[in-house]
PDB file of all heavy atoms in Angstrom:
ATOM      1  N   LEU A   1       1.648   6.589  -8.504  1.00  0.00           N
ATOM      2  CA  LEU A   1       1.289   6.294  -7.091  1.00  0.00           C
ATOM      3  C   LEU A   1       0.319   5.106  -7.099  1.00  0.00           C
ATOM      4  O   LEU A   1      -0.541   4.899  -7.845  1.00  0.00           O
ATOM      5  CB  LEU A   1       0.574   7.554  -6.586  1.00  0.00           C
ATOM      6  CG  LEU A   1       1.513   8.753  -6.460  1.00  0.00           C
ATOM      7  CD1 LEU A   1       0.709   9.867  -5.877  1.00  0.00           C
ATOM      8  CD2 LEU A   1       2.656   8.537  -5.642  1.00  0.00           C
ATOM      9  N   ILE A   2       0.596   4.315  -5.961  1.00  0.00           N
ATOM     10  CA  ILE A   2      -0.165   3.063  -5.834  1.00  0.00           C
ATOM     11  C   ILE A   2      -1.569   3.431  -5.052  1.00  0.00           C
ATOM     12  O   ILE A   2      -1.560   4.418  -4.356  1.00  0.00           O
ATOM     13  CB  ILE A   2       0.509   2.001  -5.022  1.00  0.00           C
ATOM     14  CG1 ILE A   2       0.979   2.438  -3.645  1.00  0.00           C
ATOM     15  CG2 ILE A   2       1.705   1.555  -5.858  1.00  0.00           C
ATOM     16  CD1 ILE A   2       1.672   1.531  -2.767  1.00  0.00           C
ATOM     17  N   ARG A   3      -2.542   2.633  -5.265  1.00  0.00           N
ATOM     18  CA  ARG A   3      -3.864   2.577  -4.629  1.00  0.00           C
ATOM     19  C   ARG A   3      -4.257   1.342  -4.216  1.00  0.00           C
ATOM     20  O   ARG A   3      -4.092   0.331  -4.948  1.00  0.00           O
ATOM     21  CB  ARG A   3      -4.779   3.358  -5.466  1.00  0.00           C
ATOM     22  CG  ARG A   3      -4.660   4.821  -5.804  1.00  0.00           C
ATOM     23  CD  ARG A   3      -5.804   5.396  -6.481  1.00  0.00           C
ATOM     24  NE  ARG A   3      -6.184   4.532  -7.666  1.00  0.00           N
ATOM     25  CZ  ARG A   3      -5.855   4.816  -8.869  1.00  0.00           C
ATOM     26  NH1 ARG A   3      -5.330   5.888  -9.185  1.00  0.00           N
ATOM     27  NH2 ARG A   3      -6.247   4.024  -9.911  1.00  0.00           N
ATOM     28  N   SER A   4      -4.917   1.285  -3.021  1.00  0.00           N
ATOM     29  CA  SER A   4      -5.613   0.103  -2.713  1.00  0.00           C
ATOM     30  C   SER A   4      -6.653  -0.332  -3.709  1.00  0.00           C
ATOM     31  O   SER A   4      -7.452   0.711  -4.154  1.00  0.00           O
ATOM     32  CB  SER A   4      -6.062   0.161  -1.302  1.00  0.00           C
ATOM     33  OG  SER A   4      -6.700  -0.975  -0.964  1.00  0.00           O
ATOM     34  N   ARG A   5      -6.814  -1.529  -4.196  1.00  0.00           N
ATOM     35  CA  ARG A   5      -7.863  -1.877  -4.966  1.00  0.00           C
ATOM     36  C   ARG A   5      -8.773  -2.842  -4.247  1.00  0.00           C
ATOM     37  O   ARG A   5      -8.506  -3.417  -3.236  1.00  0.00           O
ATOM     38  CB  ARG A   5      -7.400  -2.430  -6.337  1.00  0.00           C
ATOM     39  CG  ARG A   5      -6.562  -3.627  -6.274  1.00  0.00           C
ATOM     40  CD  ARG A   5      -6.018  -4.093  -7.589  1.00  0.00           C
ATOM     41  NE  ARG A   5      -5.514  -5.387  -7.600  1.00  0.00           N
ATOM     42  CZ  ARG A   5      -6.240  -6.481  -7.962  1.00  0.00           C
ATOM     43  NH1 ARG A   5      -7.560  -6.389  -8.310  1.00  0.00           N
ATOM     44  NH2 ARG A   5      -5.718  -7.605  -7.932  1.00  0.00           N
ATOM     45  N   ARG A   6      -9.934  -3.049  -4.840  1.00  0.00           N
ATOM     46  CA  ARG A   6     -10.899  -4.093  -4.288  1.00  0.00           C
ATOM     47  C   ARG A   6     -11.088  -5.160  -5.233  1.00  0.00           C
ATOM     48  O   ARG A   6     -11.761  -5.211  -6.185  1.00  0.00           O
ATOM     49  CB  ARG A   6     -12.289  -3.326  -4.159  1.00  0.00           C
ATOM     50  CG  ARG A   6     -12.271  -2.097  -3.354  1.00  0.00           C
ATOM     51  CD  ARG A   6     -12.056  -2.480  -1.840  1.00  0.00           C
ATOM     52  NE  ARG A   6     -11.960  -1.128  -1.179  1.00  0.00           N
ATOM     53  CZ  ARG A   6     -11.230  -1.018   0.001  1.00  0.00           C
ATOM     54  NH1 ARG A   6     -10.455  -1.905   0.324  1.00  0.00           N
ATOM     55  NH2 ARG A   6     -11.276   0.206   0.583  1.00  0.00           N
ATOM     56  N   PRO A   7     -10.256  -6.266  -4.874  1.00  0.00           N
ATOM     57  CA  PRO A   7     -10.396  -7.427  -5.767  1.00  0.00           C
ATOM     58  C   PRO A   7     -11.722  -8.199  -5.648  1.00  0.00           C
ATOM     59  O   PRO A   7     -12.251  -8.079  -4.574  1.00  0.00           O
ATOM     60  CB  PRO A   7      -9.050  -8.282  -5.414  1.00  0.00           C
ATOM     61  CG  PRO A   7      -8.895  -7.929  -4.032  1.00  0.00           C
ATOM     62  CD  PRO A   7      -9.320  -6.463  -3.965  1.00  0.00           C
ATOM     63  N   SER A   8     -11.956  -8.920  -6.648  1.00  0.00           N
ATOM     64  CA  SER A   8     -13.281  -9.806  -6.630  1.00  0.00           C
ATOM     65  C   SER A   8     -12.979 -10.850  -5.663  1.00  0.00           C
ATOM     66  O   SER A   8     -11.855 -11.244  -5.341  1.00  0.00           O
ATOM     67  CB  SER A   8     -13.664 -10.134  -8.009  1.00  0.00           C
ATOM     68  OG  SER A   8     -12.769 -11.263  -8.416  1.00  0.00           O
ATOM     69  N   PRO A   9     -14.040 -11.484  -5.128  1.00  0.00           N
ATOM     70  CA  PRO A   9     -13.862 -12.589  -4.278  1.00  0.00           C
ATOM     71  C   PRO A   9     -13.158 -13.779  -4.880  1.00  0.00           C
ATOM     72  O   PRO A   9     -12.511 -14.638  -4.215  1.00  0.00           O
ATOM     73  CB  PRO A   9     -15.300 -13.113  -3.864  1.00  0.00           C
ATOM     74  CG  PRO A   9     -16.124 -11.766  -4.104  1.00  0.00           C
ATOM     75  CD  PRO A   9     -15.433 -11.044  -5.145  1.00  0.00           C
ATOM     76  N   GLU A  10     -13.237 -13.946  -6.161  1.00  0.00           N
ATOM     77  CA  GLU A  10     -12.435 -15.040  -6.872  1.00  0.00           C
ATOM     78  C   GLU A  10     -10.938 -14.768  -6.981  1.00  0.00           C
ATOM     79  O   GLU A  10     -10.311 -15.805  -7.264  1.00  0.00           O
ATOM     80  CB  GLU A  10     -13.090 -15.264  -8.230  1.00  0.00           C
ATOM     81  CG  GLU A  10     -14.556 -15.683  -8.232  1.00  0.00           C
ATOM     82  CD  GLU A  10     -15.516 -14.484  -8.011  1.00  0.00           C
ATOM     83  OE1 GLU A  10     -15.114 -13.367  -8.469  1.00  0.00           O
ATOM     84  OE2 GLU A  10     -16.527 -14.727  -7.468  1.00  0.00           O
ATOM     85  N   GLU A  11     -10.595 -13.572  -6.999  1.00  0.00           N
ATOM     86  CA  GLU A  11      -9.166 -13.257  -7.148  1.00  0.00           C
ATOM     87  C   GLU A  11      -8.326 -13.756  -5.970  1.00  0.00           C
ATOM     88  O   GLU A  11      -8.677 -13.690  -4.814  1.00  0.00           O
ATOM     89  CB  GLU A  11      -8.836 -11.723  -7.363  1.00  0.00           C
ATOM     90  CG  GLU A  11      -9.462 -11.298  -8.598  1.00  0.00           C
ATOM     91  CD  GLU A  11      -9.122  -9.892  -8.774  1.00  0.00           C
ATOM     92  OE1 GLU A  11      -7.956  -9.455  -9.266  1.00  0.00           O
ATOM     93  OE2 GLU A  11     -10.013  -8.952  -8.640  1.00  0.00           O
ATOM     94  N   GLU A  12      -7.174 -14.385  -6.287  1.00  0.00           N
ATOM     95  CA  GLU A  12      -6.304 -14.988  -5.257  1.00  0.00           C
ATOM     96  C   GLU A  12      -5.316 -13.962  -4.605  1.00  0.00           C
ATOM     97  O   GLU A  12      -4.760 -14.095  -3.471  1.00  0.00           O
ATOM     98  CB  GLU A  12      -5.436 -16.121  -5.786  1.00  0.00           C
ATOM     99  CG  GLU A  12      -6.431 -17.207  -6.034  1.00  0.00           C
ATOM    100  CD  GLU A  12      -5.551 -18.428  -6.572  1.00  0.00           C
ATOM    101  OE1 GLU A  12      -4.368 -18.440  -6.415  1.00  0.00           O
ATOM    102  OE2 GLU A  12      -6.125 -19.330  -7.024  1.00  0.00           O
ATOM    103  N   CYS A  13      -5.077 -12.767  -5.265  1.00  0.00           N
ATOM    104  CA  CYS A  13      -4.209 -11.784  -4.692  1.00  0.00           C
ATOM    105  C   CYS A  13      -4.785 -10.334  -4.865  1.00  0.00           C
ATOM    106  O   CYS A  13      -5.788 -10.214  -5.467  1.00  0.00           O
ATOM    107  CB  CYS A  13      -2.822 -11.979  -5.163  1.00  0.00           C
ATOM    108  SG  CYS A  13      -2.654 -12.097  -6.878  1.00  0.00           S
ATOM    109  N   GLY A  14      -4.143  -9.382  -4.299  1.00  0.00           N
ATOM    110  CA  GLY A  14      -4.601  -7.956  -4.453  1.00  0.00           C
ATOM    111  C   GLY A  14      -5.075  -7.472  -3.235  1.00  0.00           C
ATOM    112  O   GLY A  14      -5.672  -6.297  -3.389  1.00  0.00           O
ATOM    113  N   ARG A  15      -4.981  -8.137  -2.144  1.00  0.00           N
ATOM    114  CA  ARG A  15      -5.507  -7.610  -0.846  1.00  0.00           C
ATOM    115  C   ARG A  15      -4.523  -7.029   0.126  1.00  0.00           C
ATOM    116  O   ARG A  15      -4.752  -6.629   1.213  1.00  0.00           O
ATOM    117  CB  ARG A  15      -6.318  -8.678  -0.123  1.00  0.00           C
ATOM    118  CG  ARG A  15      -7.589  -9.011  -0.993  1.00  0.00           C
ATOM    119  CD  ARG A  15      -8.249 -10.337  -0.334  1.00  0.00           C
ATOM    120  NE  ARG A  15      -9.429 -10.645  -1.115  1.00  0.00           N
ATOM    121  CZ  ARG A  15      -9.418 -11.406  -2.278  1.00  0.00           C
ATOM    122  NH1 ARG A  15      -8.280 -11.717  -2.875  1.00  0.00           N
ATOM    123  NH2 ARG A  15     -10.373 -11.488  -2.987  1.00  0.00           N
ATOM    124  N   GLY A  16      -3.193  -6.966  -0.337  1.00  0.00           N
ATOM    125  CA  GLY A  16      -2.199  -6.570   0.628  1.00  0.00           C
ATOM    126  C   GLY A  16      -2.335  -5.176   1.116  1.00  0.00           C
ATOM    127  O   GLY A  16      -2.111  -4.887   2.297  1.00  0.00           O
ATOM    128  N   LEU A  17      -2.623  -4.233   0.111  1.00  0.00           N
ATOM    129  CA  LEU A  17      -2.843  -2.825   0.540  1.00  0.00           C
ATOM    130  C   LEU A  17      -4.122  -2.643   1.364  1.00  0.00           C
ATOM    131  O   LEU A  17      -4.162  -1.693   2.137  1.00  0.00           O
ATOM    132  CB  LEU A  17      -2.714  -1.873  -0.704  1.00  0.00           C
ATOM    133  CG  LEU A  17      -1.436  -1.844  -1.293  1.00  0.00           C
ATOM    134  CD1 LEU A  17      -1.492  -0.894  -2.592  1.00  0.00           C
ATOM    135  CD2 LEU A  17      -0.226  -1.365  -0.379  1.00  0.00           C
ATOM    136  N   GLN A  18      -5.031  -3.451   1.257  1.00  0.00           N
ATOM    137  CA  GLN A  18      -6.210  -3.402   2.152  1.00  0.00           C
ATOM    138  C   GLN A  18      -5.839  -3.744   3.585  1.00  0.00           C
ATOM    139  O   GLN A  18      -6.260  -3.131   4.466  1.00  0.00           O
ATOM    140  CB  GLN A  18      -7.304  -4.416   1.722  1.00  0.00           C
ATOM    141  CG  GLN A  18      -8.024  -4.026   0.390  1.00  0.00           C
ATOM    142  CD  GLN A  18      -9.064  -5.019  -0.039  1.00  0.00           C
ATOM    143  OE1 GLN A  18      -9.032  -6.065   0.429  1.00  0.00           O
ATOM    144  NE2 GLN A  18     -10.073  -4.538  -0.823  1.00  0.00           N
ATOM    145  N   LEU A  19      -4.931  -4.722   3.674  1.00  0.00           N
ATOM    146  CA  LEU A  19      -4.336  -5.057   4.997  1.00  0.00           C
ATOM    147  C   LEU A  19      -3.542  -3.840   5.589  1.00  0.00           C
ATOM    148  O   LEU A  19      -3.726  -3.518   6.734  1.00  0.00           O
ATOM    149  CB  LEU A  19      -3.397  -6.220   4.935  1.00  0.00           C
ATOM    150  CG  LEU A  19      -4.066  -7.596   4.854  1.00  0.00           C
ATOM    151  CD1 LEU A  19      -2.996  -8.586   4.614  1.00  0.00           C
ATOM    152  CD2 LEU A  19      -4.869  -7.942   6.227  1.00  0.00           C
ATOM    153  N   VAL A  20      -2.689  -3.200   4.706  1.00  0.00           N
ATOM    154  CA  VAL A  20      -1.987  -2.075   5.112  1.00  0.00           C
ATOM    155  C   VAL A  20      -2.999  -0.996   5.680  1.00  0.00           C
ATOM    156  O   VAL A  20      -2.786  -0.292   6.782  1.00  0.00           O
ATOM    157  CB  VAL A  20      -1.197  -1.564   4.005  1.00  0.00           C
ATOM    158  CG1 VAL A  20      -0.443  -0.168   4.406  1.00  0.00           C
ATOM    159  CG2 VAL A  20      -0.133  -2.527   3.636  1.00  0.00           C
ATOM    160  N   GLU A  21      -4.143  -0.696   4.863  1.00  0.00           N
ATOM    161  CA  GLU A  21      -5.078   0.292   5.314  1.00  0.00           C
ATOM    162  C   GLU A  21      -5.766  -0.104   6.706  1.00  0.00           C
ATOM    163  O   GLU A  21      -5.936   0.893   7.487  1.00  0.00           O
ATOM    164  CB  GLU A  21      -6.147   0.476   4.242  1.00  0.00           C
ATOM    165  CG  GLU A  21      -5.866   1.261   3.145  1.00  0.00           C
ATOM    166  CD  GLU A  21      -7.028   1.355   2.178  1.00  0.00           C
ATOM    167  OE1 GLU A  21      -8.269   1.288   2.532  1.00  0.00           O
ATOM    168  OE2 GLU A  21      -6.776   1.596   0.825  1.00  0.00           O
ATOM    169  N   CYS A  22      -6.003  -1.338   6.828  1.00  0.00           N
ATOM    170  CA  CYS A  22      -6.725  -1.746   8.032  1.00  0.00           C
ATOM    171  C   CYS A  22      -5.801  -1.811   9.315  1.00  0.00           C
ATOM    172  O   CYS A  22      -6.267  -1.433  10.370  1.00  0.00           O
ATOM    173  CB  CYS A  22      -7.277  -3.223   7.884  1.00  0.00           C
ATOM    174  SG  CYS A  22      -8.622  -3.342   6.856  1.00  0.00           S
ATOM    175  N   LEU A  23      -4.590  -1.995   9.200  1.00  0.00           N
ATOM    176  CA  LEU A  23      -3.698  -2.192  10.319  1.00  0.00           C
ATOM    177  C   LEU A  23      -2.839  -0.943  10.534  1.00  0.00           C
ATOM    178  O   LEU A  23      -2.273  -0.873  11.643  1.00  0.00           O
ATOM    179  CB  LEU A  23      -2.663  -3.283  10.061  1.00  0.00           C
ATOM    180  CG  LEU A  23      -3.273  -4.761   9.920  1.00  0.00           C
ATOM    181  CD1 LEU A  23      -2.275  -5.737   9.508  1.00  0.00           C
ATOM    182  CD2 LEU A  23      -4.073  -5.117  11.168  1.00  0.00           C
ATOM    183  N   SER A  24      -2.717  -0.050   9.766  1.00  0.00           N
ATOM    184  CA  SER A  24      -2.093   1.180   9.993  1.00  0.00           C
ATOM    185  C   SER A  24      -3.034   2.379  10.247  1.00  0.00           C
ATOM    186  O   SER A  24      -4.009   2.469   9.895  1.00  0.00           O
ATOM    187  CB  SER A  24      -1.128   1.483   8.818  1.00  0.00           C
ATOM    188  OG  SER A  24      -1.859   1.779   7.685  1.00  0.00           O
ATOM    189  N   LYS A  25      -2.360   3.362  11.170  1.00  0.00           N
ATOM    190  CA  LYS A  25      -3.158   4.598  11.305  1.00  0.00           C
ATOM    191  C   LYS A  25      -2.922   5.566  10.154  1.00  0.00           C
ATOM    192  O   LYS A  25      -3.741   6.487  10.040  1.00  0.00           O
ATOM    193  CB  LYS A  25      -2.724   5.226  12.550  1.00  0.00           C
ATOM    194  CG  LYS A  25      -1.456   5.880  12.733  1.00  0.00           C
ATOM    195  CD  LYS A  25      -1.266   6.574  14.208  1.00  0.00           C
ATOM    196  CE  LYS A  25       0.023   7.302  14.167  1.00  0.00           C
ATOM    197  NZ  LYS A  25       0.092   7.954  15.420  1.00  0.00           N
ATOM    198  N   ASP A  26      -1.866   5.344   9.353  1.00  0.00           N
ATOM    199  CA  ASP A  26      -1.519   6.127   8.153  1.00  0.00           C
ATOM    200  C   ASP A  26      -0.666   5.371   7.265  1.00  0.00           C
ATOM    201  O   ASP A  26       0.157   4.462   7.723  1.00  0.00           O
ATOM    202  CB  ASP A  26      -1.016   7.456   8.548  1.00  0.00           C
ATOM    203  CG  ASP A  26      -1.089   8.526   7.421  1.00  0.00           C
ATOM    204  OD1 ASP A  26      -1.842   8.294   6.504  1.00  0.00           O
ATOM    205  OD2 ASP A  26      -0.437   9.574   7.630  1.00  0.00           O
ATOM    206  N   TRP A  27      -0.667   5.654   5.947  1.00  0.00           N
ATOM    207  CA  TRP A  27       0.256   4.908   5.045  1.00  0.00           C
ATOM    208  C   TRP A  27       0.279   5.743   3.789  1.00  0.00           C
ATOM    209  O   TRP A  27      -0.662   6.580   3.474  1.00  0.00           O
ATOM    210  CB  TRP A  27      -0.168   3.512   4.896  1.00  0.00           C
ATOM    211  CG  TRP A  27      -1.239   3.294   3.883  1.00  0.00           C
ATOM    212  CD1 TRP A  27      -2.675   3.390   4.168  1.00  0.00           C
ATOM    213  CD2 TRP A  27      -1.211   2.955   2.520  1.00  0.00           C
ATOM    214  NE1 TRP A  27      -3.400   3.141   3.074  1.00  0.00           N
ATOM    215  CE2 TRP A  27      -2.515   2.788   2.038  1.00  0.00           C
ATOM    216  CE3 TRP A  27      -0.165   2.847   1.635  1.00  0.00           C
ATOM    217  CZ2 TRP A  27      -2.867   2.620   0.705  1.00  0.00           C
ATOM    218  CZ3 TRP A  27      -0.521   2.516   0.340  1.00  0.00           C
ATOM    219  CH2 TRP A  27      -1.942   2.433  -0.132  1.00  0.00           C
ATOM    220  N   GLY A  28       1.328   5.522   3.000  1.00  0.00           N
ATOM    221  CA  GLY A  28       1.432   6.204   1.647  1.00  0.00           C
ATOM    222  C   GLY A  28       2.571   5.760   0.951  1.00  0.00           C
ATOM    223  O   GLY A  28       3.278   4.832   1.254  1.00  0.00           O
ATOM    224  N   MET A  29       2.761   6.445  -0.185  1.00  0.00           N
ATOM    225  CA  MET A  29       3.874   6.178  -1.040  1.00  0.00           C
ATOM    226  C   MET A  29       4.496   7.475  -1.497  1.00  0.00           C
ATOM    227  O   MET A  29       3.803   8.476  -1.754  1.00  0.00           O
ATOM    228  CB  MET A  29       3.420   5.372  -2.273  1.00  0.00           C
ATOM    229  CG  MET A  29       4.496   5.120  -3.223  1.00  0.00           C
ATOM    230  SD  MET A  29       3.664   4.437  -4.819  1.00  0.00           S
ATOM    231  CE  MET A  29       5.067   4.696  -5.990  1.00  0.00           C
ATOM    232  N   ARG A  30       5.800   7.525  -1.667  1.00  0.00           N
ATOM    233  CA  ARG A  30       6.513   8.625  -2.332  1.00  0.00           C
ATOM    234  C   ARG A  30       7.529   8.067  -3.136  1.00  0.00           C
ATOM    235  O   ARG A  30       8.049   6.902  -2.913  1.00  0.00           O
ATOM    236  CB  ARG A  30       7.034   9.537  -1.182  1.00  0.00           C
ATOM    237  CG  ARG A  30       8.114   8.981  -0.332  1.00  0.00           C
ATOM    238  CD  ARG A  30       8.548   9.885   0.767  1.00  0.00           C
ATOM    239  NE  ARG A  30       9.538   9.287   1.805  1.00  0.00           N
ATOM    240  CZ  ARG A  30      10.735   8.817   1.609  1.00  0.00           C
ATOM    241  NH1 ARG A  30      11.481   9.081   0.514  1.00  0.00           N
ATOM    242  NH2 ARG A  30      11.495   8.280   2.602  1.00  0.00           N
ATOM    243  N   ARG A  31       8.051   8.997  -4.139  1.00  0.00           N
ATOM    244  CA  ARG A  31       9.199   8.653  -4.846  1.00  0.00           C
ATOM    245  C   ARG A  31      10.470   8.672  -4.083  1.00  0.00           C
ATOM    246  O   ARG A  31      10.567   9.435  -3.083  1.00  0.00           O
ATOM    247  CB  ARG A  31       9.325   9.551  -6.089  1.00  0.00           C
ATOM    248  CG  ARG A  31       8.178   9.313  -7.050  1.00  0.00           C
ATOM    249  CD  ARG A  31       8.305  10.006  -8.272  1.00  0.00           C
ATOM    250  NE  ARG A  31       7.266   9.685  -9.342  1.00  0.00           N
ATOM    251  CZ  ARG A  31       5.963  10.170  -9.181  1.00  0.00           C
ATOM    252  NH1 ARG A  31       5.575  10.722  -8.110  1.00  0.00           N
ATOM    253  NH2 ARG A  31       5.092   9.707 -10.112  1.00  0.00           N
ATOM    254  N   ARG A  32      11.447   7.929  -4.433  1.00  0.00           N
ATOM    255  CA  ARG A  32      12.788   7.931  -3.654  1.00  0.00           C
ATOM    256  C   ARG A  32      13.422   9.402  -3.840  1.00  0.00           C
ATOM    257  O   ARG A  32      13.168  10.031  -4.809  1.00  0.00           O
ATOM    258  CB  ARG A  32      13.704   6.836  -4.181  1.00  0.00           C
ATOM    259  CG  ARG A  32      13.384   5.434  -3.795  1.00  0.00           C
ATOM    260  CD  ARG A  32      14.207   4.454  -4.326  1.00  0.00           C
ATOM    261  NE  ARG A  32      15.601   4.627  -3.961  1.00  0.00           N
ATOM    262  CZ  ARG A  32      16.653   4.135  -4.487  1.00  0.00           C
ATOM    263  NH1 ARG A  32      16.496   3.423  -5.626  1.00  0.00           N
ATOM    264  NH2 ARG A  32      17.887   4.416  -4.171  1.00  0.00           N
ATOM    265  N   ASP A  33      14.157   9.723  -2.971  1.00  0.00           N
ATOM    266  CA  ASP A  33      14.852  11.002  -3.003  1.00  0.00           C
ATOM    267  C   ASP A  33      15.985  11.007  -4.055  1.00  0.00           C
ATOM    268  O   ASP A  33      16.204  12.092  -4.664  1.00  0.00           O
ATOM    269  CB  ASP A  33      15.424  11.371  -1.656  1.00  0.00           C
ATOM    270  CG  ASP A  33      14.414  11.652  -0.559  1.00  0.00           C
ATOM    271  OD1 ASP A  33      13.207  11.966  -0.864  1.00  0.00           O
ATOM    272  OD2 ASP A  33      14.765  11.311   0.712  1.00  0.00           O
ATOM    273  N   HIS A  34      16.392   9.952  -4.258  1.00  0.00           N
ATOM    274  CA  HIS A  34      17.521   9.711  -5.361  1.00  0.00           C
ATOM    275  C   HIS A  34      17.370   8.475  -6.232  1.00  0.00           C
ATOM    276  O   HIS A  34      17.096   7.513  -5.713  1.00  0.00           O
ATOM    277  CB  HIS A  34      18.881   9.629  -4.573  1.00  0.00           C
ATOM    278  CG  HIS A  34      18.935   8.657  -3.573  1.00  0.00           C
ATOM    279  ND1 HIS A  34      18.329   8.796  -2.347  1.00  0.00           N
ATOM    280  CD2 HIS A  34      19.500   7.355  -3.624  1.00  0.00           C
ATOM    281  CE1 HIS A  34      18.574   7.566  -1.701  1.00  0.00           C
ATOM    282  NE2 HIS A  34      19.324   6.840  -2.364  1.00  0.00           N
ATOM    283  N   GLY A  35      17.386   8.684  -7.485  1.00  0.00           N
ATOM    284  CA  GLY A  35      17.270   7.480  -8.323  1.00  0.00           C
ATOM    285  C   GLY A  35      15.767   7.127  -8.568  1.00  0.00           C
ATOM    286  O   GLY A  35      14.835   7.618  -7.992  1.00  0.00           O
ATOM    287  N   PRO A  36      15.532   6.094  -9.332  1.00  0.00           N
ATOM    288  CA  PRO A  36      14.261   5.521  -9.648  1.00  0.00           C
ATOM    289  C   PRO A  36      13.741   4.751  -8.599  1.00  0.00           C
ATOM    290  O   PRO A  36      14.508   4.318  -7.687  1.00  0.00           O
ATOM    291  CB  PRO A  36      14.445   4.634 -10.845  1.00  0.00           C
ATOM    292  CG  PRO A  36      15.767   4.158 -10.826  1.00  0.00           C
ATOM    293  CD  PRO A  36      16.578   5.325 -10.253  1.00  0.00           C
ATOM    294  N   GLY A  37      12.529   4.450  -8.378  1.00  0.00           N
ATOM    295  CA  GLY A  37      11.880   3.676  -7.292  1.00  0.00           C
ATOM    296  C   GLY A  37      10.933   4.469  -6.399  1.00  0.00           C
ATOM    297  O   GLY A  37      10.751   5.666  -6.577  1.00  0.00           O
ATOM    298  N   SER A  38      10.509   3.830  -5.373  1.00  0.00           N
ATOM    299  CA  SER A  38       9.593   4.432  -4.470  1.00  0.00           C
ATOM    300  C   SER A  38       9.805   3.899  -3.121  1.00  0.00           C
ATOM    301  O   SER A  38      10.488   2.818  -2.852  1.00  0.00           O
ATOM    302  CB  SER A  38       8.122   4.069  -4.969  1.00  0.00           C
ATOM    303  OG  SER A  38       7.910   2.643  -5.018  1.00  0.00           O
ATOM    304  N   VAL A  39       9.240   4.499  -2.115  1.00  0.00           N
ATOM    305  CA  VAL A  39       9.129   4.175  -0.707  1.00  0.00           C
ATOM    306  C   VAL A  39       7.625   4.091  -0.397  1.00  0.00           C
ATOM    307  O   VAL A  39       6.870   5.000  -0.452  1.00  0.00           O
ATOM    308  CB  VAL A  39       9.786   5.167   0.109  1.00  0.00           C
ATOM    309  CG1 VAL A  39       9.705   4.813   1.595  1.00  0.00           C
ATOM    310  CG2 VAL A  39      11.252   5.366  -0.315  1.00  0.00           C
ATOM    311  N   VAL A  40       7.253   2.902   0.089  1.00  0.00           N
ATOM    312  CA  VAL A  40       5.939   2.787   0.693  1.00  0.00           C
ATOM    313  C   VAL A  40       6.013   2.527   2.142  1.00  0.00           C
ATOM    314  O   VAL A  40       6.899   1.915   2.684  1.00  0.00           O
ATOM    315  CB  VAL A  40       5.186   1.499   0.194  1.00  0.00           C
ATOM    316  CG1 VAL A  40       3.765   1.308   0.785  1.00  0.00           C
ATOM    317  CG2 VAL A  40       5.173   1.585  -1.501  1.00  0.00           C
ATOM    318  N   TRP A  41       5.329   3.613   2.930  1.00  0.00           N
ATOM    319  CA  TRP A  41       5.435   3.606   4.322  1.00  0.00           C
ATOM    320  C   TRP A  41       4.108   3.375   5.064  1.00  0.00           C
ATOM    321  O   TRP A  41       3.087   3.571   4.405  1.00  0.00           O
ATOM    322  CB  TRP A  41       6.040   4.861   4.674  1.00  0.00           C
ATOM    323  CG  TRP A  41       5.236   6.093   4.197  1.00  0.00           C
ATOM    324  CD1 TRP A  41       5.409   6.677   3.030  1.00  0.00           C
ATOM    325  CD2 TRP A  41       4.032   6.691   4.888  1.00  0.00           C
ATOM    326  NE1 TRP A  41       4.474   7.732   3.029  1.00  0.00           N
ATOM    327  CE2 TRP A  41       3.609   7.777   4.089  1.00  0.00           C
ATOM    328  CE3 TRP A  41       3.440   6.504   6.061  1.00  0.00           C
ATOM    329  CZ2 TRP A  41       2.601   8.510   4.384  1.00  0.00           C
ATOM    330  CZ3 TRP A  41       2.462   7.291   6.406  1.00  0.00           C
ATOM    331  CH2 TRP A  41       2.012   8.334   5.537  1.00  0.00           C
ATOM    332  N   ALA A  42       4.215   2.916   6.165  1.00  0.00           N
ATOM    333  CA  ALA A  42       2.926   2.744   7.094  1.00  0.00           C
ATOM    334  C   ALA A  42       3.346   3.134   8.610  1.00  0.00           C
ATOM    335  O   ALA A  42       4.486   2.791   8.940  1.00  0.00           O
ATOM    336  CB  ALA A  42       2.405   1.342   6.936  1.00  0.00           C
ATOM    337  N   VAL A  43       2.395   3.579   9.336  1.00  0.00           N
ATOM    338  CA  VAL A  43       2.584   3.844  10.760  1.00  0.00           C
ATOM    339  C   VAL A  43       1.645   3.148  11.577  1.00  0.00           C
ATOM    340  O   VAL A  43       0.378   3.117  11.302  1.00  0.00           O
ATOM    341  CB  VAL A  43       2.490   5.415  11.082  1.00  0.00           C
ATOM    342  CG1 VAL A  43       2.553   5.692  12.426  1.00  0.00           C
ATOM    343  CG2 VAL A  43       3.439   6.240  10.117  1.00  0.00           C
ATOM    344  N   VAL A  44       2.107   2.353  12.391  1.00  0.00           N
ATOM    345  CA  VAL A  44       1.269   1.581  13.378  1.00  0.00           C
ATOM    346  C   VAL A  44       1.238   2.082  14.771  1.00  0.00           C
ATOM    347  O   VAL A  44       2.329   2.339  15.285  1.00  0.00           O
ATOM    348  CB  VAL A  44       1.620   0.035  13.397  1.00  0.00           C
ATOM    349  CG1 VAL A  44       0.751  -0.660  14.440  1.00  0.00           C
ATOM    350  CG2 VAL A  44       1.615  -0.547  12.089  1.00  0.00           C
ATOM    351  N   ALA A  45       0.037   2.564  15.303  1.00  0.00           N
ATOM    352  CA  ALA A  45       0.004   2.998  16.656  1.00  0.00           C
ATOM    353  C   ALA A  45       0.487   2.084  17.617  1.00  0.00           C
ATOM    354  O   ALA A  45       0.101   0.792  17.580  1.00  0.00           O
ATOM    355  CB  ALA A  45      -1.452   3.508  16.863  1.00  0.00           C
TER     356      ALA A  45
END
């Protein structure tokens, strides 16, 4: 399962899930119902 991380100010990437947290009222990840892979979802009010 993925988690939002806190990159250092010097890092150029790694802030995408922080945006997801800030802009959505809820979000998460689940495994696909069939086969390998995952589904990342977000709900925006």
